[in-house]
PDB file of N, CA and C in Angstrom:
ATOM      1  N   UNK A   1      13.387  41.275   2.294  1.00  0.00           N
ATOM      2  CA  UNK A   1      12.334  40.977   1.694  1.00  0.00           C
ATOM      3  C   UNK A   1      10.937  40.438   2.684  1.00  0.00           C
ATOM      4  N   UNK A   2      10.001  41.267   2.881  1.00  0.00           N
ATOM      5  CA  UNK A   2       9.055  40.765   3.736  1.00  0.00           C
ATOM      6  C   UNK A   2       8.196  39.756   3.237  1.00  0.00           C
ATOM      7  N   UNK A   3       7.866  38.611   4.268  1.00  0.00           N
ATOM      8  CA  UNK A   3       7.124  37.527   3.811  1.00  0.00           C
ATOM      9  C   UNK A   3       7.669  36.532   3.375  1.00  0.00           C
ATOM     10  N   UNK A   4       9.088  36.585   3.391  1.00  0.00           N
ATOM     11  CA  UNK A   4       9.838  35.317   2.812  1.00  0.00           C
ATOM     12  C   UNK A   4      10.676  34.665   4.257  1.00  0.00           C
ATOM     13  N   UNK A   5       9.997  34.947   5.301  1.00  0.00           N
ATOM     14  CA  UNK A   5      10.848  34.473   6.311  1.00  0.00           C
ATOM     15  C   UNK A   5      10.359  32.929   6.648  1.00  0.00           C
ATOM     16  N   UNK A   6       9.412  32.288   5.946  1.00  0.00           N
ATOM     17  CA  UNK A   6       8.812  30.915   6.131  1.00  0.00           C
ATOM     18  C   UNK A   6       8.329  30.548   7.662  1.00  0.00           C
ATOM     19  N   UNK A   7       7.550  31.449   7.897  1.00  0.00           N
ATOM     20  CA  UNK A   7       7.120  31.387   9.409  1.00  0.00           C
ATOM     21  C   UNK A   7       5.895  30.304   9.122  1.00  0.00           C
ATOM     22  N   UNK A   8       5.652  29.575  10.305  1.00  0.00           N
ATOM     23  CA  UNK A   8       4.353  28.650  10.149  1.00  0.00           C
ATOM     24  C   UNK A   8       3.265  29.642  10.069  1.00  0.00           C
ATOM     25  N   UNK A   9       2.073  29.145   9.321  1.00  0.00           N
ATOM     26  CA  UNK A   9       0.969  29.817   9.118  1.00  0.00           C
ATOM     27  C   UNK A   9       1.075  30.793   7.993  1.00  0.00           C
ATOM     28  N   UNK A  10       2.200  30.936   7.435  1.00  0.00           N
ATOM     29  CA  UNK A  10       2.080  32.163   6.321  1.00  0.00           C
ATOM     30  C   UNK A  10       1.965  31.322   4.996  1.00  0.00           C
ATOM     31  N   UNK A  11       1.469  32.314   4.105  1.00  0.00           N
ATOM     32  CA  UNK A  11       1.016  31.577   2.836  1.00  0.00           C
ATOM     33  C   UNK A  11       2.059  32.302   1.778  1.00  0.00           C
ATOM     34  N   UNK A  12       3.466  32.237   2.176  1.00  0.00           N
ATOM     35  CA  UNK A  12       4.443  32.709   1.251  1.00  0.00           C
ATOM     36  C   UNK A  12       4.865  31.360   0.126  1.00  0.00           C
ATOM     37  N   UNK A  13       5.745  31.945  -0.781  1.00  0.00           N
ATOM     38  CA  UNK A  13       6.251  30.847  -1.568  1.00  0.00           C
ATOM     39  C   UNK A  13       7.245  29.818  -0.961  1.00  0.00           C
ATOM     40  N   UNK A  14       7.836  30.146   0.194  1.00  0.00           N
ATOM     41  CA  UNK A  14       8.638  29.049   0.720  1.00  0.00           C
ATOM     42  C   UNK A  14       7.894  28.188   1.633  1.00  0.00           C
ATOM     43  N   UNK A  15       8.042  26.797   1.385  1.00  0.00           N
ATOM     44  CA  UNK A  15       7.211  26.030   2.094  1.00  0.00           C
ATOM     45  C   UNK A  15       8.034  25.413   3.292  1.00  0.00           C
ATOM     46  N   UNK A  16       7.488  25.617   4.566  1.00  0.00           N
ATOM     47  CA  UNK A  16       8.441  25.129   5.765  1.00  0.00           C
ATOM     48  C   UNK A  16       7.952  23.813   5.906  1.00  0.00           C
ATOM     49  N   UNK A  17       8.899  22.701   6.265  1.00  0.00           N
ATOM     50  CA  UNK A  17       8.765  21.396   6.392  1.00  0.00           C
ATOM     51  C   UNK A  17       7.653  21.312   7.629  1.00  0.00           C
ATOM     52  N   UNK A  18       6.818  20.354   7.479  1.00  0.00           N
ATOM     53  CA  UNK A  18       6.095  20.052   8.408  1.00  0.00           C
ATOM     54  C   UNK A  18       6.463  18.968   9.445  1.00  0.00           C
ATOM     55  N   UNK A  19       6.182  19.111  10.679  1.00  0.00           N
ATOM     56  CA  UNK A  19       6.658  18.241  11.751  1.00  0.00           C
ATOM     57  C   UNK A  19       5.865  17.071  11.703  1.00  0.00           C
ATOM     58  N   UNK A  20       6.132  15.911  12.474  1.00  0.00           N
ATOM     59  CA  UNK A  20       5.359  14.623  12.584  1.00  0.00           C
ATOM     60  C   UNK A  20       4.118  14.994  13.016  1.00  0.00           C
ATOM     61  N   UNK A  21       3.652  15.887  13.844  1.00  0.00           N
ATOM     62  CA  UNK A  21       2.065  15.969  14.316  1.00  0.00           C
ATOM     63  C   UNK A  21       1.587  17.347  13.587  1.00  0.00           C
ATOM     64  N   UNK A  22       1.993  17.790  12.431  1.00  0.00           N
ATOM     65  CA  UNK A  22       1.522  18.905  11.575  1.00  0.00           C
ATOM     66  C   UNK A  22       1.021  18.498  10.267  1.00  0.00           C
ATOM     67  N   UNK A  23       0.066  19.131   9.732  1.00  0.00           N
ATOM     68  CA  UNK A  23      -0.522  18.809   8.373  1.00  0.00           C
ATOM     69  C   UNK A  23      -0.254  20.142   7.740  1.00  0.00           C
ATOM     70  N   UNK A  24      -0.164  20.071   6.064  1.00  0.00           N
ATOM     71  CA  UNK A  24      -0.131  21.325   5.373  1.00  0.00           C
ATOM     72  C   UNK A  24      -1.527  21.451   4.694  1.00  0.00           C
ATOM     73  N   UNK A  25      -2.148  22.516   4.822  1.00  0.00           N
ATOM     74  CA  UNK A  25      -3.488  22.990   4.450  1.00  0.00           C
ATOM     75  C   UNK A  25      -3.222  23.059   2.856  1.00  0.00           C
ATOM     76  N   UNK A  26      -4.402  23.237   1.997  1.00  0.00           N
ATOM     77  CA  UNK A  26      -4.532  23.466   0.884  1.00  0.00           C
ATOM     78  C   UNK A  26      -3.859  24.916   0.476  1.00  0.00           C
ATOM     79  N   UNK A  27      -3.852  25.864   1.141  1.00  0.00           N
ATOM     80  CA  UNK A  27      -3.429  27.235   1.061  1.00  0.00           C
ATOM     81  C   UNK A  27      -2.131  27.148   1.461  1.00  0.00           C
ATOM     82  N   UNK A  28      -1.473  26.230   1.917  1.00  0.00           N
ATOM     83  CA  UNK A  28       0.003  26.268   2.015  1.00  0.00           C
ATOM     84  C   UNK A  28       0.277  26.521   3.562  1.00  0.00           C
ATOM     85  N   UNK A  29      -0.432  26.889   4.369  1.00  0.00           N
ATOM     86  CA  UNK A  29      -0.444  26.957   5.797  1.00  0.00           C
ATOM     87  C   UNK A  29      -0.287  25.740   6.555  1.00  0.00           C
ATOM     88  N   UNK A  30       0.453  25.754   7.799  1.00  0.00           N
ATOM     89  CA  UNK A  30       0.711  24.563   8.632  1.00  0.00           C
ATOM     90  C   UNK A  30      -0.024  24.576   9.764  1.00  0.00           C
ATOM     91  N   UNK A  31      -0.806  23.603  10.215  1.00  0.00           N
ATOM     92  CA  UNK A  31      -1.487  23.615  11.487  1.00  0.00           C
ATOM     93  C   UNK A  31      -0.985  22.089  12.077  1.00  0.00           C
ATOM     94  N   UNK A  32      -1.397  22.279  13.700  1.00  0.00           N
ATOM     95  CA  UNK A  32      -1.209  20.862  14.276  1.00  0.00           C
ATOM     96  C   UNK A  32      -2.511  20.058  14.116  1.00  0.00           C
ATOM     97  N   UNK A  33      -2.131  18.656  14.067  1.00  0.00           N
ATOM     98  CA  UNK A  33      -3.095  17.715  13.787  1.00  0.00           C
ATOM     99  C   UNK A  33      -4.067  17.661  14.902  1.00  0.00           C
ATOM    100  N   UNK A  34      -5.376  17.444  14.738  1.00  0.00           N
ATOM    101  CA  UNK A  34      -6.384  16.941  15.822  1.00  0.00           C
ATOM    102  C   UNK A  34      -5.807  15.590  16.314  1.00  0.00           C
ATOM    103  N   UNK A  35      -6.590  15.321  17.459  1.00  0.00           N
ATOM    104  CA  UNK A  35      -6.287  13.934  18.099  1.00  0.00           C
ATOM    105  C   UNK A  35      -6.794  13.099  17.137  1.00  0.00           C
ATOM    106  N   UNK A  36      -7.833  13.159  16.383  1.00  0.00           N
ATOM    107  CA  UNK A  36      -8.390  12.170  15.432  1.00  0.00           C
ATOM    108  C   UNK A  36      -7.541  12.067  14.399  1.00  0.00           C
ATOM    109  N   UNK A  37      -6.968  12.995  13.915  1.00  0.00           N
ATOM    110  CA  UNK A  37      -6.016  12.784  12.817  1.00  0.00           C
ATOM    111  C   UNK A  37      -4.428  12.086  13.409  1.00  0.00           C
ATOM    112  N   UNK A  38      -4.195  12.518  14.611  1.00  0.00           N
ATOM    113  CA  UNK A  38      -2.996  11.843  15.050  1.00  0.00           C
ATOM    114  C   UNK A  38      -3.303  10.270  15.356  1.00  0.00           C
ATOM    115  N   UNK A  39      -4.572  10.032  15.904  1.00  0.00           N
ATOM    116  CA  UNK A  39      -4.700   8.441  15.976  1.00  0.00           C
ATOM    117  C   UNK A  39      -4.860   7.810  14.628  1.00  0.00           C
ATOM    118  N   UNK A  40      -5.533   8.380  13.743  1.00  0.00           N
ATOM    119  CA  UNK A  40      -5.694   7.889  12.350  1.00  0.00           C
ATOM    120  C   UNK A  40      -4.341   7.684  11.715  1.00  0.00           C
ATOM    121  N   UNK A  41      -3.342   8.562  11.920  1.00  0.00           N
ATOM    122  CA  UNK A  41      -2.077   8.317  11.270  1.00  0.00           C
ATOM    123  C   UNK A  41      -1.275   7.222  12.020  1.00  0.00           C
ATOM    124  N   UNK A  42      -1.566   7.138  13.406  1.00  0.00           N
ATOM    125  CA  UNK A  42      -0.857   5.785  14.255  1.00  0.00           C
ATOM    126  C   UNK A  42      -1.455   4.726  13.576  1.00  0.00           C
ATOM    127  N   UNK A  43      -2.809   4.585  13.382  1.00  0.00           N
ATOM    128  CA  UNK A  43      -3.478   3.346  12.924  1.00  0.00           C
ATOM    129  C   UNK A  43      -2.891   3.094  11.592  1.00  0.00           C
ATOM    130  N   UNK A  44      -2.893   3.901  10.775  1.00  0.00           N
ATOM    131  CA  UNK A  44      -2.217   3.820   9.157  1.00  0.00           C
ATOM    132  C   UNK A  44      -0.634   3.392   9.473  1.00  0.00           C
ATOM    133  N   UNK A  45      -0.003   3.885  10.372  1.00  0.00           N
ATOM    134  CA  UNK A  45       1.290   3.398  10.396  1.00  0.00           C
ATOM    135  C   UNK A  45       1.494   1.925  10.835  1.00  0.00           C
ATOM    136  N   UNK A  46       0.730   1.609  11.728  1.00  0.00           N
ATOM    137  CA  UNK A  46       0.603   0.076  12.298  1.00  0.00           C
ATOM    138  C   UNK A  46       0.303  -0.696  11.288  1.00  0.00           C
ATOM    139  N   UNK A  47      -0.946  -0.303  10.405  1.00  0.00           N
ATOM    140  CA  UNK A  47      -1.111  -1.176   9.295  1.00  0.00           C
ATOM    141  C   UNK A  47      -0.165  -1.336   8.210  1.00  0.00           C
ATOM    142  N   UNK A  48       0.682  -0.239   7.794  1.00  0.00           N
ATOM    143  CA  UNK A  48       1.487  -0.197   6.921  1.00  0.00           C
ATOM    144  C   UNK A  48       2.784  -1.279   7.530  1.00  0.00           C
ATOM    145  N   UNK A  49       3.144  -1.401   8.663  1.00  0.00           N
ATOM    146  CA  UNK A  49       4.200  -1.926   9.363  1.00  0.00           C
ATOM    147  C   UNK A  49       3.474  -3.455   9.054  1.00  0.00           C
ATOM    148  N   UNK A  50       2.293  -3.613   9.556  1.00  0.00           N
ATOM    149  CA  UNK A  50       1.914  -5.130   9.458  1.00  0.00           C
ATOM    150  C   UNK A  50       1.946  -5.763   8.115  1.00  0.00           C
ATOM    151  N   UNK A  51       1.336  -4.857   6.853  1.00  0.00           N
ATOM    152  CA  UNK A  51       1.592  -5.358   5.733  1.00  0.00           C
ATOM    153  C   UNK A  51       2.856  -5.446   5.147  1.00  0.00           C
ATOM    154  N   UNK A  52       3.750  -4.582   5.370  1.00  0.00           N
ATOM    155  CA  UNK A  52       5.409  -4.813   5.049  1.00  0.00           C
ATOM    156  C   UNK A  52       5.867  -6.296   5.911  1.00  0.00           C
ATOM    157  N   UNK A  53       5.464  -6.793   7.025  1.00  0.00           N
ATOM    158  CA  UNK A  53       5.700  -7.872   7.581  1.00  0.00           C
ATOM    159  C   UNK A  53       5.310  -8.850   7.064  1.00  0.00           C
ATOM    160  N   UNK A  54       3.987  -8.819   6.673  1.00  0.00           N
ATOM    161  CA  UNK A  54       3.419  -9.969   5.776  1.00  0.00           C
ATOM    162  C   UNK A  54       4.076 -10.092   4.539  1.00  0.00           C
ATOM    163  N   UNK A  55       4.371  -9.064   3.785  1.00  0.00           N
ATOM    164  CA  UNK A  55       5.021  -9.181   2.433  1.00  0.00           C
ATOM    165  C   UNK A  55       6.400 -10.034   2.660  1.00  0.00           C
ATOM    166  N   UNK A  56       7.104  -9.389   3.566  1.00  0.00           N
ATOM    167  CA  UNK A  56       8.295 -10.201   4.234  1.00  0.00           C
ATOM    168  C   UNK A  56       8.347 -11.660   4.270  1.00  0.00           C
ATOM    169  N   UNK A  57       7.238 -11.929   5.087  1.00  0.00           N
ATOM    170  CA  UNK A  57       6.879 -13.328   5.420  1.00  0.00           C
ATOM    171  C   UNK A  57       6.574 -14.161   3.886  1.00  0.00           C
ATOM    172  N   UNK A  58       5.821 -13.696   3.179  1.00  0.00           N
ATOM    173  CA  UNK A  58       5.229 -14.323   1.892  1.00  0.00           C
ATOM    174  C   UNK A  58       6.535 -14.380   1.103  1.00  0.00           C
ATOM    175  N   UNK A  59       7.387 -13.621   0.993  1.00  0.00           N
ATOM    176  CA  UNK A  59       8.593 -13.604   0.363  1.00  0.00           C
ATOM    177  C   UNK A  59       9.660 -14.831   0.810  1.00  0.00           C
ATOM    178  N   UNK A  60       9.710 -14.726   2.079  1.00  0.00           N
ATOM    179  CA  UNK A  60      10.504 -15.919   2.840  1.00  0.00           C
ATOM    180  C   UNK A  60       9.812 -17.261   2.503  1.00  0.00           C
ATOM    181  N   UNK A  61       8.527 -17.377   2.454  1.00  0.00           N
ATOM    182  CA  UNK A  61       7.880 -18.737   2.165  1.00  0.00           C
ATOM    183  C   UNK A  61       8.222 -19.210   0.587  1.00  0.00           C
ATOM    184  N   UNK A  62       8.022 -18.141  -0.090  1.00  0.00           N
ATOM    185  CA  UNK A  62       8.291 -18.288  -1.465  1.00  0.00           C
ATOM    186  C   UNK A  62       9.679 -18.799  -1.882  1.00  0.00           C
ATOM    187  N   UNK A  63      10.757 -18.103  -1.001  1.00  0.00           N
ATOM    188  CA  UNK A  63      11.992 -18.569  -1.313  1.00  0.00           C
ATOM    189  C   UNK A  63      12.233 -20.131  -0.824  1.00  0.00           C
ATOM    190  N   UNK A  64      11.729 -20.384   0.347  1.00  0.00           N
ATOM    191  CA  UNK A  64      11.801 -21.821   0.984  1.00  0.00           C
ATOM    192  C   UNK A  64      11.153 -22.937   0.337  1.00  0.00           C
ATOM    193  N   UNK A  65       9.921 -22.541  -0.262  1.00  0.00           N
ATOM    194  CA  UNK A  65       9.008 -23.501  -0.893  1.00  0.00           C
ATOM    195  C   UNK A  65       9.701 -24.566  -1.823  1.00  0.00           C
ATOM    196  N   UNK A  66      10.471 -23.957  -2.744  1.00  0.00           N
ATOM    197  CA  UNK A  66      11.139 -24.946  -3.598  1.00  0.00           C
ATOM    198  C   UNK A  66      12.144 -25.848  -3.112  1.00  0.00           C
ATOM    199  N   UNK A  67      12.647 -25.409  -1.935  1.00  0.00           N
ATOM    200  CA  UNK A  67      13.765 -26.193  -1.257  1.00  0.00           C
ATOM    201  C   UNK A  67      13.067 -27.600  -0.371  1.00  0.00           C
ATOM    202  N   UNK A  68      11.807 -27.109   0.072  1.00  0.00           N
ATOM    203  CA  UNK A  68      11.109 -28.289   0.816  1.00  0.00           C
ATOM    204  C   UNK A  68      10.736 -29.233  -0.151  1.00  0.00           C
ATOM    205  N   UNK A  69      10.797 -29.402  -1.485  1.00  0.00           N
ATOM    206  CA  UNK A  69      10.437 -30.302  -2.414  1.00  0.00           C
ATOM    207  C   UNK A  69      11.484 -31.435  -2.566  1.00  0.00           C
ATOM    208  N   UNK A  70      12.770 -31.095  -2.104  1.00  0.00           N
ATOM    209  CA  UNK A  70      13.830 -31.968  -2.257  1.00  0.00           C
ATOM    210  C   UNK A  70      14.173 -32.376  -0.913  1.00  0.00           C
ATOM    211  N   UNK A  71      13.545 -32.233   0.111  1.00  0.00           N
ATOM    212  CA  UNK A  71      13.771 -32.825   1.406  1.00  0.00           C
ATOM    213  C   UNK A  71      13.079 -33.999   1.858  1.00  0.00           C
TER     214      UNK A  71
END
């Protein structure tokens, strides 16, 4: 079958997984991210990690809060 090999940049039915530094276009092709996109992804990842840490900290504070009333 011609066109079913799943090569990067092809527009066939088989979706090739994107790498961490790649982005899938609307037409199904895969291209390497620009430097701006890579920096934006790093910023988003750092923001998400910070929000997760804040959520964990708030959950710990909520767990400990009732205990401090009895000490």
